[in-house]
Amino acid sequence: RRRAEAGDRDLVLCYNYGLSDYIRRRFDKYPEEQRPIHIGTLHSLGNKLGMQGERATGDGYWDSVLPDQLVEHLKNMPDELKYDTVVIDEAQDFHADWWRVVIGALKDEEKGRIYAFGDIRQGIFRQATDIPLQQAKLHLDKNLRNALPIAQLAALCVEEPLDLIGLDGPPVQWVESTNEEAEAAANEEVKKLISQGWK
């Protein structure tokens, strides 16, 4: 919001579509001059920029082919349509090839700002150990995001003690399964929770 108010063209990116949709809805309550130009996944940037091209499927397309096309498209874009500031959430899930897109989206590679937030320990989709930015590493010692029963269980998996500040919640339930049957077992548990009224 501060960068937009200062006159920057801002871009907000994240790996997860649901997260980008949530962030977009949060910005709906702010005046136009405090909103980013675009909030979405890296792949949605192609649509925003009016990029034409054939669509495909598979990890190779999303991880490398489409990002390569975006980089080429950005090279031919006028600077006034590029961005002064790029903010990335869940940066630990960004593929190595995507950083060229982020840098290419800046009006000025030297003066442009990239704020990337992530936690390597929360890398669900990949381990992004090759983020090409000067990093300010912060040590977080509070768990604010989980209900207490989940936070207490998660605390058993980390070496350093954490302050657990989450809200109370239902107890954690253990469901035994083999690796091969884990996805089907998880689907069954989700169906049970929905039938009990969980959204």
N, C-alpha and C. Protein backbone atom coordinates (compact mmCIF):
# COMPACT_ATOMS: atom_id res chain seq x y z
N ARG A 1 0.83 -1.20 0.00
CA ARG A 1 0.00 0.00 0.00
C ARG A 1 0.87 1.24 0.00
N ARG A 2 1.93 1.23 0.81
CA ARG A 2 2.80 2.41 0.89
C ARG A 2 3.50 2.66 -0.44
N ARG A 3 3.95 1.60 -1.09
CA ARG A 3 4.64 1.77 -2.38
C ARG A 3 3.67 2.30 -3.43
N ALA A 4 2.43 1.81 -3.43
CA ALA A 4 1.43 2.30 -4.39
C ALA A 4 1.13 3.77 -4.14
N GLU A 5 0.97 4.15 -2.87
CA GLU A 5 0.70 5.55 -2.53
C GLU A 5 1.87 6.45 -2.94
N ALA A 6 3.08 5.89 -2.92
CA ALA A 6 4.26 6.67 -3.33
C ALA A 6 4.36 6.80 -4.84
N GLY A 7 3.43 6.16 -5.57
CA GLY A 7 3.42 6.29 -7.03
C GLY A 7 4.00 5.11 -7.77
N ASP A 8 4.40 4.06 -7.06
CA ASP A 8 4.95 2.87 -7.72
C ASP A 8 3.86 2.09 -8.43
N ARG A 9 4.24 1.47 -9.54
CA ARG A 9 3.42 0.41 -10.14
C ARG A 9 3.83 -0.88 -9.43
N ASP A 10 2.88 -1.48 -8.71
CA ASP A 10 3.18 -2.64 -7.88
C ASP A 10 2.58 -3.92 -8.45
N LEU A 11 3.34 -4.99 -8.28
CA LEU A 11 2.92 -6.33 -8.70
C LEU A 11 3.04 -7.24 -7.49
N VAL A 12 1.98 -7.98 -7.16
CA VAL A 12 2.01 -8.95 -6.07
C VAL A 12 1.83 -10.34 -6.66
N LEU A 13 2.78 -11.23 -6.37
CA LEU A 13 2.75 -12.59 -6.91
C LEU A 13 2.83 -13.60 -5.78
N CYS A 14 2.20 -14.74 -5.97
CA CYS A 14 2.40 -15.88 -5.08
C CYS A 14 2.17 -17.17 -5.86
N TYR A 15 2.60 -18.26 -5.31
CA TYR A 15 2.49 -19.54 -6.00
C TYR A 15 1.06 -20.03 -6.08
N ASN A 16 0.32 -19.80 -5.01
CA ASN A 16 -0.97 -20.43 -4.81
C ASN A 16 -2.11 -19.52 -5.29
N TYR A 17 -2.99 -20.05 -6.14
CA TYR A 17 -4.11 -19.25 -6.65
C TYR A 17 -5.04 -18.81 -5.53
N GLY A 18 -5.34 -19.70 -4.58
CA GLY A 18 -6.23 -19.35 -3.48
C GLY A 18 -5.69 -18.21 -2.65
N LEU A 19 -4.37 -18.22 -2.41
CA LEU A 19 -3.75 -17.14 -1.64
C LEU A 19 -3.83 -15.82 -2.40
N SER A 20 -3.55 -15.86 -3.71
CA SER A 20 -3.61 -14.62 -4.48
C SER A 20 -5.03 -14.06 -4.51
N ASP A 21 -6.02 -14.94 -4.56
CA ASP A 21 -7.42 -14.50 -4.54
C ASP A 21 -7.75 -13.86 -3.19
N TYR A 22 -7.25 -14.45 -2.11
CA TYR A 22 -7.46 -13.89 -0.77
C TYR A 22 -6.84 -12.49 -0.65
N ILE A 23 -5.61 -12.35 -1.13
CA ILE A 23 -4.93 -11.05 -1.06
C ILE A 23 -5.68 -10.02 -1.90
N ARG A 24 -6.15 -10.42 -3.07
CA ARG A 24 -6.90 -9.51 -3.93
C ARG A 24 -8.17 -9.00 -3.23
N ARG A 25 -8.88 -9.91 -2.56
CA ARG A 25 -10.10 -9.51 -1.85
C ARG A 25 -9.78 -8.55 -0.70
N ARG A 26 -8.65 -8.78 -0.02
CA ARG A 26 -8.25 -7.88 1.08
C ARG A 26 -8.02 -6.46 0.56
N PHE A 27 -7.50 -6.33 -0.65
CA PHE A 27 -7.21 -5.01 -1.20
C PHE A 27 -8.46 -4.31 -1.73
N ASP A 28 -9.55 -5.03 -1.89
CA ASP A 28 -10.78 -4.42 -2.40
C ASP A 28 -11.27 -3.27 -1.53
N LYS A 29 -10.94 -3.31 -0.24
CA LYS A 29 -11.45 -2.27 0.67
C LYS A 29 -10.61 -1.00 0.65
N TYR A 30 -9.49 -1.01 -0.06
CA TYR A 30 -8.61 0.16 -0.08
C TYR A 30 -8.86 1.01 -1.33
N PRO A 31 -8.58 2.31 -1.24
CA PRO A 31 -8.74 3.17 -2.42
C PRO A 31 -7.80 2.72 -3.56
N GLU A 32 -8.18 3.08 -4.76
CA GLU A 32 -7.45 2.67 -5.96
C GLU A 32 -5.96 3.00 -5.87
N GLU A 33 -5.64 4.20 -5.32
CA GLU A 33 -4.24 4.63 -5.28
C GLU A 33 -3.40 3.85 -4.27
N GLN A 34 -4.03 2.96 -3.48
CA GLN A 34 -3.29 2.13 -2.53
C GLN A 34 -3.24 0.66 -2.98
N ARG A 35 -3.71 0.38 -4.17
CA ARG A 35 -3.77 -1.01 -4.64
C ARG A 35 -2.67 -1.32 -5.65
N PRO A 36 -2.17 -2.55 -5.62
CA PRO A 36 -1.23 -2.97 -6.67
C PRO A 36 -1.93 -2.99 -8.03
N ILE A 37 -1.13 -2.91 -9.09
CA ILE A 37 -1.67 -3.00 -10.44
C ILE A 37 -2.21 -4.40 -10.71
N HIS A 38 -1.48 -5.41 -10.20
CA HIS A 38 -1.90 -6.79 -10.43
C HIS A 38 -1.55 -7.64 -9.21
N ILE A 39 -2.48 -8.51 -8.84
CA ILE A 39 -2.26 -9.50 -7.78
C ILE A 39 -2.63 -10.86 -8.36
N GLY A 40 -1.71 -11.80 -8.34
CA GLY A 40 -2.02 -13.12 -8.89
C GLY A 40 -0.85 -14.06 -8.83
N THR A 41 -1.02 -15.19 -9.48
CA THR A 41 0.08 -16.14 -9.60
C THR A 41 1.03 -15.66 -10.69
N LEU A 42 2.22 -16.21 -10.71
CA LEU A 42 3.17 -15.85 -11.76
C LEU A 42 2.57 -16.17 -13.12
N HIS A 43 1.87 -17.29 -13.22
CA HIS A 43 1.32 -17.70 -14.52
C HIS A 43 0.19 -16.79 -14.98
N SER A 44 -0.52 -16.15 -14.05
CA SER A 44 -1.59 -15.24 -14.43
C SER A 44 -1.04 -13.96 -15.04
N LEU A 45 0.24 -13.71 -14.85
CA LEU A 45 0.85 -12.50 -15.37
C LEU A 45 0.77 -12.45 -16.90
N GLY A 46 0.85 -13.61 -17.54
CA GLY A 46 0.74 -13.67 -19.01
C GLY A 46 -0.58 -13.11 -19.49
N ASN A 47 -1.67 -13.48 -18.82
CA ASN A 47 -2.98 -12.94 -19.19
C ASN A 47 -3.04 -11.44 -18.95
N LYS A 48 -2.51 -11.00 -17.82
CA LYS A 48 -2.52 -9.57 -17.48
C LYS A 48 -1.78 -8.75 -18.54
N LEU A 49 -0.69 -9.31 -19.07
CA LEU A 49 0.14 -8.59 -20.03
C LEU A 49 -0.34 -8.80 -21.47
N GLY A 50 -1.43 -9.55 -21.63
CA GLY A 50 -1.97 -9.78 -22.98
C GLY A 50 -1.09 -10.67 -23.83
N MET A 51 -0.35 -11.58 -23.21
CA MET A 51 0.55 -12.46 -23.94
C MET A 51 -0.23 -13.54 -24.66
N GLN A 52 0.06 -13.72 -25.92
CA GLN A 52 -0.56 -14.78 -26.72
C GLN A 52 0.38 -15.97 -26.76
N GLY A 53 -0.17 -17.15 -26.91
CA GLY A 53 0.67 -18.34 -27.00
C GLY A 53 -0.14 -19.58 -26.76
N GLU A 54 0.41 -20.71 -27.18
CA GLU A 54 -0.30 -21.97 -27.00
C GLU A 54 -0.19 -22.43 -25.57
N ARG A 55 -1.28 -22.95 -25.07
CA ARG A 55 -1.31 -23.49 -23.71
C ARG A 55 -0.95 -24.97 -23.77
N ALA A 56 -0.35 -25.42 -22.69
CA ALA A 56 -0.03 -26.84 -22.57
C ALA A 56 -0.24 -27.23 -21.12
N THR A 57 0.06 -28.46 -20.80
CA THR A 57 -0.07 -28.93 -19.42
C THR A 57 1.23 -29.61 -19.00
N GLY A 58 1.29 -29.97 -17.75
CA GLY A 58 2.47 -30.67 -17.23
C GLY A 58 3.43 -29.72 -16.55
N ASP A 59 4.20 -30.29 -15.63
CA ASP A 59 5.13 -29.47 -14.84
C ASP A 59 6.14 -28.74 -15.70
N GLY A 60 6.63 -29.38 -16.76
CA GLY A 60 7.63 -28.73 -17.62
C GLY A 60 7.12 -27.45 -18.24
N TYR A 61 5.84 -27.45 -18.63
CA TYR A 61 5.25 -26.25 -19.22
C TYR A 61 5.17 -25.13 -18.19
N TRP A 62 4.60 -25.43 -17.00
CA TRP A 62 4.39 -24.40 -15.98
C TRP A 62 5.70 -23.95 -15.36
N ASP A 63 6.66 -24.88 -15.19
CA ASP A 63 7.91 -24.53 -14.52
C ASP A 63 8.89 -23.80 -15.43
N SER A 64 8.93 -24.16 -16.73
CA SER A 64 9.98 -23.62 -17.59
C SER A 64 9.48 -22.99 -18.89
N VAL A 65 8.58 -23.67 -19.61
CA VAL A 65 8.17 -23.18 -20.94
C VAL A 65 7.44 -21.84 -20.84
N LEU A 66 6.37 -21.79 -20.04
CA LEU A 66 5.62 -20.53 -19.91
C LEU A 66 6.49 -19.41 -19.31
N PRO A 67 7.30 -19.68 -18.27
CA PRO A 67 8.19 -18.62 -17.79
C PRO A 67 9.15 -18.10 -18.87
N ASP A 68 9.68 -19.00 -19.71
CA ASP A 68 10.54 -18.55 -20.81
C ASP A 68 9.78 -17.62 -21.75
N GLN A 69 8.52 -17.98 -22.06
CA GLN A 69 7.70 -17.14 -22.93
C GLN A 69 7.45 -15.77 -22.29
N LEU A 70 7.20 -15.78 -20.98
CA LEU A 70 6.99 -14.52 -20.26
C LEU A 70 8.22 -13.62 -20.32
N VAL A 71 9.39 -14.21 -20.12
CA VAL A 71 10.64 -13.45 -20.17
C VAL A 71 10.78 -12.78 -21.53
N GLU A 72 10.53 -13.52 -22.61
CA GLU A 72 10.64 -12.96 -23.96
C GLU A 72 9.61 -11.85 -24.17
N HIS A 73 8.40 -12.07 -23.70
CA HIS A 73 7.34 -11.07 -23.84
C HIS A 73 7.72 -9.78 -23.11
N LEU A 74 8.26 -9.92 -21.90
CA LEU A 74 8.64 -8.76 -21.10
C LEU A 74 9.76 -7.95 -21.75
N LYS A 75 10.65 -8.60 -22.49
CA LYS A 75 11.75 -7.89 -23.15
C LYS A 75 11.23 -6.86 -24.15
N ASN A 76 10.06 -7.13 -24.74
CA ASN A 76 9.50 -6.24 -25.76
C ASN A 76 8.44 -5.29 -25.22
N MET A 77 8.22 -5.32 -23.91
CA MET A 77 7.20 -4.45 -23.32
C MET A 77 7.78 -3.08 -23.02
N PRO A 78 7.00 -2.02 -23.25
CA PRO A 78 7.49 -0.68 -22.86
C PRO A 78 7.63 -0.58 -21.35
N ASP A 79 8.60 0.19 -20.91
CA ASP A 79 8.89 0.31 -19.48
C ASP A 79 7.70 0.83 -18.68
N GLU A 80 6.88 1.68 -19.29
CA GLU A 80 5.77 2.25 -18.52
C GLU A 80 4.72 1.20 -18.14
N LEU A 81 4.76 0.03 -18.77
CA LEU A 81 3.84 -1.05 -18.41
C LEU A 81 4.47 -2.05 -17.44
N LYS A 82 5.74 -1.85 -17.12
CA LYS A 82 6.42 -2.73 -16.17
C LYS A 82 6.23 -2.19 -14.75
N TYR A 83 6.95 -2.75 -13.79
CA TYR A 83 6.67 -2.48 -12.38
C TYR A 83 7.88 -1.90 -11.67
N ASP A 84 7.58 -1.05 -10.68
CA ASP A 84 8.64 -0.50 -9.82
C ASP A 84 8.93 -1.43 -8.66
N THR A 85 7.89 -2.11 -8.18
CA THR A 85 7.99 -2.97 -7.00
C THR A 85 7.27 -4.28 -7.25
N VAL A 86 7.92 -5.39 -6.88
CA VAL A 86 7.29 -6.71 -6.93
C VAL A 86 7.32 -7.29 -5.53
N VAL A 87 6.16 -7.73 -5.04
CA VAL A 87 6.06 -8.37 -3.73
C VAL A 87 5.68 -9.83 -3.98
N ILE A 88 6.41 -10.74 -3.34
CA ILE A 88 6.16 -12.18 -3.52
C ILE A 88 5.88 -12.80 -2.16
N ASP A 89 4.78 -13.52 -2.08
CA ASP A 89 4.47 -14.26 -0.86
C ASP A 89 4.69 -15.74 -1.15
N GLU A 90 5.07 -16.49 -0.12
CA GLU A 90 5.39 -17.92 -0.24
C GLU A 90 6.51 -18.14 -1.27
N ALA A 91 7.55 -17.33 -1.16
CA ALA A 91 8.65 -17.38 -2.13
C ALA A 91 9.38 -18.72 -2.13
N GLN A 92 9.24 -19.48 -1.04
CA GLN A 92 9.91 -20.77 -0.99
C GLN A 92 9.36 -21.74 -2.04
N ASP A 93 8.17 -21.48 -2.56
CA ASP A 93 7.57 -22.37 -3.55
C ASP A 93 7.83 -21.93 -4.99
N PHE A 94 8.57 -20.83 -5.18
CA PHE A 94 8.87 -20.36 -6.53
C PHE A 94 9.93 -21.25 -7.17
N HIS A 95 9.70 -21.64 -8.40
CA HIS A 95 10.67 -22.42 -9.18
C HIS A 95 11.84 -21.52 -9.55
N ALA A 96 13.02 -22.11 -9.68
CA ALA A 96 14.23 -21.33 -9.99
C ALA A 96 14.07 -20.51 -11.27
N ASP A 97 13.38 -21.06 -12.28
CA ASP A 97 13.23 -20.36 -13.56
C ASP A 97 12.30 -19.15 -13.47
N TRP A 98 11.53 -19.04 -12.41
CA TRP A 98 10.55 -17.96 -12.32
C TRP A 98 11.18 -16.63 -11.94
N TRP A 99 12.36 -16.65 -11.33
CA TRP A 99 12.97 -15.40 -10.88
C TRP A 99 13.36 -14.50 -12.04
N ARG A 100 13.67 -15.11 -13.20
CA ARG A 100 13.98 -14.30 -14.39
C ARG A 100 12.76 -13.49 -14.82
N VAL A 101 11.57 -14.07 -14.64
CA VAL A 101 10.33 -13.35 -14.95
C VAL A 101 10.17 -12.17 -13.99
N VAL A 102 10.38 -12.42 -12.70
CA VAL A 102 10.22 -11.38 -11.69
C VAL A 102 11.17 -10.21 -11.98
N ILE A 103 12.42 -10.51 -12.25
CA ILE A 103 13.41 -9.47 -12.55
C ILE A 103 13.07 -8.77 -13.86
N GLY A 104 12.62 -9.55 -14.85
CA GLY A 104 12.25 -8.97 -16.15
C GLY A 104 11.03 -8.08 -16.09
N ALA A 105 10.19 -8.25 -15.05
CA ALA A 105 8.98 -7.43 -14.91
C ALA A 105 9.28 -6.05 -14.34
N LEU A 106 10.51 -5.84 -13.85
CA LEU A 106 10.87 -4.54 -13.27
C LEU A 106 11.19 -3.52 -14.36
N LYS A 107 10.79 -2.27 -14.14
CA LYS A 107 11.16 -1.19 -15.05
C LYS A 107 12.67 -1.03 -15.08
N ASP A 108 13.28 -1.13 -13.89
CA ASP A 108 14.72 -0.89 -13.74
C ASP A 108 15.28 -1.97 -12.81
N GLU A 109 16.10 -2.85 -13.36
CA GLU A 109 16.64 -3.96 -12.57
C GLU A 109 17.50 -3.48 -11.40
N GLU A 110 18.14 -2.32 -11.56
CA GLU A 110 19.02 -1.82 -10.51
C GLU A 110 18.24 -1.12 -9.39
N LYS A 111 17.24 -0.32 -9.76
CA LYS A 111 16.53 0.48 -8.77
C LYS A 111 15.20 -0.13 -8.33
N GLY A 112 14.72 -1.12 -9.09
CA GLY A 112 13.45 -1.74 -8.74
C GLY A 112 13.54 -2.50 -7.42
N ARG A 113 12.40 -2.68 -6.80
CA ARG A 113 12.36 -3.36 -5.50
C ARG A 113 11.69 -4.72 -5.65
N ILE A 114 12.27 -5.72 -5.01
CA ILE A 114 11.63 -7.03 -4.90
C ILE A 114 11.60 -7.39 -3.42
N TYR A 115 10.39 -7.58 -2.90
CA TYR A 115 10.21 -8.04 -1.53
C TYR A 115 9.69 -9.46 -1.60
N ALA A 116 10.50 -10.41 -1.19
CA ALA A 116 10.11 -11.83 -1.26
C ALA A 116 10.03 -12.38 0.16
N PHE A 117 8.86 -12.90 0.51
CA PHE A 117 8.63 -13.45 1.85
C PHE A 117 8.41 -14.95 1.74
N GLY A 118 9.10 -15.69 2.58
CA GLY A 118 8.92 -17.14 2.54
C GLY A 118 9.62 -17.80 3.71
N ASP A 119 9.36 -19.07 3.86
CA ASP A 119 9.97 -19.87 4.92
C ASP A 119 10.38 -21.20 4.29
N ILE A 120 11.69 -21.39 4.17
CA ILE A 120 12.21 -22.61 3.53
C ILE A 120 11.64 -23.86 4.19
N ARG A 121 11.37 -23.78 5.50
CA ARG A 121 10.86 -24.96 6.21
C ARG A 121 9.41 -25.26 5.84
N GLN A 122 8.75 -24.32 5.16
CA GLN A 122 7.37 -24.56 4.74
C GLN A 122 7.28 -24.83 3.24
N GLY A 123 8.40 -25.19 2.63
CA GLY A 123 8.39 -25.49 1.19
C GLY A 123 7.58 -26.74 0.90
N ILE A 124 6.37 -26.56 0.38
CA ILE A 124 5.50 -27.69 0.09
C ILE A 124 5.81 -28.27 -1.28
N PHE A 125 6.02 -27.41 -2.26
CA PHE A 125 6.13 -27.85 -3.64
C PHE A 125 7.57 -28.03 -4.10
N ARG A 126 8.51 -27.29 -3.49
CA ARG A 126 9.92 -27.42 -3.87
C ARG A 126 10.75 -26.72 -2.80
N GLN A 127 12.03 -26.98 -2.80
CA GLN A 127 12.93 -26.29 -1.87
C GLN A 127 13.67 -25.20 -2.63
N ALA A 128 13.22 -23.96 -2.48
CA ALA A 128 13.81 -22.83 -3.21
C ALA A 128 15.02 -22.32 -2.45
N THR A 129 16.13 -23.02 -2.60
CA THR A 129 17.36 -22.60 -1.92
C THR A 129 18.19 -21.68 -2.80
N ASP A 130 17.70 -21.38 -4.01
CA ASP A 130 18.49 -20.61 -4.98
C ASP A 130 17.82 -19.29 -5.32
N ILE A 131 17.24 -18.62 -4.32
CA ILE A 131 16.59 -17.33 -4.55
C ILE A 131 17.69 -16.29 -4.83
N PRO A 132 17.67 -15.66 -6.02
CA PRO A 132 18.79 -14.80 -6.44
C PRO A 132 18.67 -13.37 -5.91
N LEU A 133 18.37 -13.22 -4.63
CA LEU A 133 18.20 -11.90 -4.03
C LEU A 133 19.07 -11.79 -2.79
N GLN A 134 19.42 -10.56 -2.46
CA GLN A 134 20.08 -10.34 -1.19
C GLN A 134 19.04 -10.59 -0.10
N GLN A 135 19.34 -11.50 0.80
CA GLN A 135 18.31 -11.93 1.75
C GLN A 135 18.57 -11.39 3.14
N ALA A 136 17.49 -10.96 3.78
CA ALA A 136 17.53 -10.61 5.19
C ALA A 136 16.81 -11.73 5.91
N LYS A 137 17.55 -12.61 6.54
CA LYS A 137 16.94 -13.76 7.18
C LYS A 137 16.46 -13.40 8.57
N LEU A 138 15.21 -13.71 8.84
CA LEU A 138 14.62 -13.44 10.14
C LEU A 138 14.33 -14.75 10.84
N HIS A 139 14.62 -14.81 12.11
CA HIS A 139 14.33 -16.01 12.89
C HIS A 139 13.01 -15.78 13.62
N LEU A 140 12.00 -16.57 13.26
CA LEU A 140 10.68 -16.43 13.86
C LEU A 140 10.54 -17.43 15.01
N ASP A 141 10.18 -16.93 16.18
CA ASP A 141 10.09 -17.82 17.33
C ASP A 141 8.67 -17.92 17.89
N LYS A 142 7.69 -17.44 17.10
CA LYS A 142 6.28 -17.55 17.52
C LYS A 142 5.49 -18.23 16.42
N ASN A 143 4.62 -19.13 16.79
CA ASN A 143 3.70 -19.73 15.84
C ASN A 143 2.34 -19.06 16.03
N LEU A 144 1.96 -18.23 15.07
CA LEU A 144 0.71 -17.48 15.14
C LEU A 144 -0.36 -18.04 14.20
N ARG A 145 0.04 -18.93 13.31
CA ARG A 145 -0.85 -19.26 12.20
C ARG A 145 -1.70 -20.50 12.44
N ASN A 146 -1.34 -21.34 13.40
CA ASN A 146 -2.06 -22.60 13.59
C ASN A 146 -2.88 -22.58 14.87
N ALA A 147 -3.96 -23.36 14.88
CA ALA A 147 -4.66 -23.61 16.14
C ALA A 147 -3.69 -24.32 17.08
N LEU A 148 -3.90 -24.14 18.39
CA LEU A 148 -2.95 -24.67 19.38
C LEU A 148 -2.68 -26.17 19.24
N PRO A 149 -3.69 -27.03 19.06
CA PRO A 149 -3.37 -28.46 18.95
C PRO A 149 -2.45 -28.78 17.78
N ILE A 150 -2.63 -28.08 16.67
CA ILE A 150 -1.75 -28.30 15.51
C ILE A 150 -0.37 -27.74 15.80
N ALA A 151 -0.31 -26.54 16.39
CA ALA A 151 0.98 -25.92 16.71
C ALA A 151 1.78 -26.77 17.69
N GLN A 152 1.09 -27.35 18.68
CA GLN A 152 1.78 -28.19 19.67
C GLN A 152 2.37 -29.43 19.00
N LEU A 153 1.64 -30.00 18.07
CA LEU A 153 2.15 -31.16 17.34
C LEU A 153 3.32 -30.77 16.45
N ALA A 154 3.18 -29.65 15.73
CA ALA A 154 4.25 -29.19 14.84
C ALA A 154 5.51 -28.84 15.61
N ALA A 155 5.34 -28.35 16.85
CA ALA A 155 6.50 -27.96 17.67
C ALA A 155 7.40 -29.15 17.98
N LEU A 156 6.83 -30.35 17.94
CA LEU A 156 7.63 -31.55 18.19
C LEU A 156 8.62 -31.83 17.05
N CYS A 157 8.37 -31.19 15.89
CA CYS A 157 9.18 -31.47 14.70
C CYS A 157 10.29 -30.45 14.47
N VAL A 158 10.40 -29.44 15.32
CA VAL A 158 11.43 -28.43 15.13
C VAL A 158 12.40 -28.46 16.31
N GLU A 159 13.64 -28.05 16.03
CA GLU A 159 14.68 -28.16 17.05
C GLU A 159 14.55 -27.11 18.14
N GLU A 160 14.24 -25.86 17.74
CA GLU A 160 14.19 -24.79 18.73
C GLU A 160 12.78 -24.65 19.29
N PRO A 161 12.65 -24.24 20.56
CA PRO A 161 11.32 -24.06 21.13
C PRO A 161 10.61 -22.87 20.49
N LEU A 162 9.29 -22.96 20.39
CA LEU A 162 8.47 -21.89 19.83
C LEU A 162 7.43 -21.44 20.85
N ASP A 163 7.12 -20.14 20.84
CA ASP A 163 5.97 -19.66 21.60
C ASP A 163 4.73 -19.97 20.77
N LEU A 164 3.77 -20.67 21.37
CA LEU A 164 2.56 -21.06 20.65
C LEU A 164 1.44 -20.11 21.05
N ILE A 165 1.00 -19.29 20.09
CA ILE A 165 0.06 -18.21 20.40
C ILE A 165 -1.25 -18.38 19.63
N GLY A 166 -1.45 -19.52 18.99
CA GLY A 166 -2.66 -19.71 18.20
C GLY A 166 -3.91 -19.85 19.06
N LEU A 167 -5.07 -19.82 18.41
CA LEU A 167 -6.34 -20.01 19.08
C LEU A 167 -6.56 -21.48 19.39
N ASP A 168 -7.45 -21.75 20.31
CA ASP A 168 -7.77 -23.13 20.63
C ASP A 168 -8.50 -23.75 19.44
N GLY A 169 -8.45 -25.05 19.35
CA GLY A 169 -9.12 -25.75 18.25
C GLY A 169 -9.36 -27.19 18.63
N PRO A 170 -9.99 -27.95 17.73
CA PRO A 170 -10.27 -29.35 18.03
C PRO A 170 -8.97 -30.14 18.12
N PRO A 171 -8.98 -31.27 18.84
CA PRO A 171 -7.76 -32.06 18.96
C PRO A 171 -7.34 -32.66 17.61
N VAL A 172 -6.06 -32.88 17.47
CA VAL A 172 -5.53 -33.52 16.28
C VAL A 172 -5.95 -34.99 16.29
N GLN A 173 -6.37 -35.48 15.15
CA GLN A 173 -6.75 -36.88 15.03
C GLN A 173 -5.72 -37.60 14.16
N TRP A 174 -5.33 -38.77 14.60
CA TRP A 174 -4.38 -39.57 13.83
C TRP A 174 -5.14 -40.55 12.95
N VAL A 175 -4.76 -40.65 11.70
CA VAL A 175 -5.37 -41.61 10.77
C VAL A 175 -4.23 -42.45 10.20
N GLU A 176 -4.24 -43.72 10.53
CA GLU A 176 -3.17 -44.59 10.03
C GLU A 176 -3.43 -44.96 8.58
N SER A 177 -2.34 -44.99 7.80
CA SER A 177 -2.45 -45.30 6.38
C SER A 177 -1.08 -45.71 5.86
N THR A 178 -1.10 -46.45 4.77
CA THR A 178 0.16 -46.71 4.07
C THR A 178 0.44 -45.52 3.16
N ASN A 179 1.67 -45.39 2.68
CA ASN A 179 2.00 -44.30 1.75
C ASN A 179 1.12 -44.36 0.51
N GLU A 180 0.89 -45.57 0.00
CA GLU A 180 0.12 -45.73 -1.22
C GLU A 180 -1.34 -45.32 -1.05
N GLU A 181 -1.88 -45.50 0.15
CA GLU A 181 -3.29 -45.21 0.38
C GLU A 181 -3.53 -43.85 1.05
N ALA A 182 -2.46 -43.08 1.26
CA ALA A 182 -2.58 -41.83 2.03
C ALA A 182 -3.54 -40.83 1.39
N GLU A 183 -3.45 -40.65 0.06
CA GLU A 183 -4.31 -39.67 -0.59
C GLU A 183 -5.78 -40.06 -0.48
N ALA A 184 -6.09 -41.33 -0.70
CA ALA A 184 -7.48 -41.79 -0.59
C ALA A 184 -7.96 -41.65 0.85
N ALA A 185 -7.09 -41.96 1.82
CA ALA A 185 -7.48 -41.84 3.23
C ALA A 185 -7.75 -40.38 3.59
N ALA A 186 -6.91 -39.47 3.08
CA ALA A 186 -7.11 -38.04 3.35
C ALA A 186 -8.42 -37.56 2.74
N ASN A 187 -8.73 -38.02 1.52
CA ASN A 187 -10.00 -37.63 0.88
C ASN A 187 -11.19 -38.09 1.71
N GLU A 188 -11.11 -39.28 2.27
CA GLU A 188 -12.20 -39.79 3.10
C GLU A 188 -12.39 -38.93 4.35
N GLU A 189 -11.27 -38.51 4.96
CA GLU A 189 -11.36 -37.68 6.15
C GLU A 189 -11.97 -36.31 5.83
N VAL A 190 -11.60 -35.77 4.67
CA VAL A 190 -12.18 -34.48 4.26
C VAL A 190 -13.69 -34.62 4.08
N LYS A 191 -14.12 -35.70 3.45
CA LYS A 191 -15.57 -35.93 3.27
C LYS A 191 -16.28 -36.01 4.62
N LYS A 192 -15.66 -36.69 5.59
CA LYS A 192 -16.26 -36.80 6.92
C LYS A 192 -16.39 -35.42 7.57
N LEU A 193 -15.33 -34.61 7.46
CA LEU A 193 -15.35 -33.27 8.06
C LEU A 193 -16.42 -32.39 7.43
N ILE A 194 -16.56 -32.48 6.10
CA ILE A 194 -17.58 -31.69 5.42
C ILE A 194 -18.97 -32.12 5.87
N SER A 195 -19.16 -33.45 6.03
CA SER A 195 -20.47 -33.94 6.47
C SER A 195 -20.78 -33.50 7.91
N GLN A 196 -19.72 -33.18 8.69
CA GLN A 196 -19.92 -32.70 10.06
C GLN A 196 -20.13 -31.19 10.12
N GLY A 197 -20.10 -30.51 8.96
CA GLY A 197 -20.36 -29.09 8.92
C GLY A 197 -19.13 -28.20 8.75
N TRP A 198 -17.94 -28.80 8.65
CA TRP A 198 -16.74 -27.99 8.41
C TRP A 198 -16.77 -27.49 6.97
N LYS A 199 -16.29 -26.26 6.76
CA LYS A 199 -16.26 -25.71 5.40
C LYS A 199 -14.93 -26.05 4.74
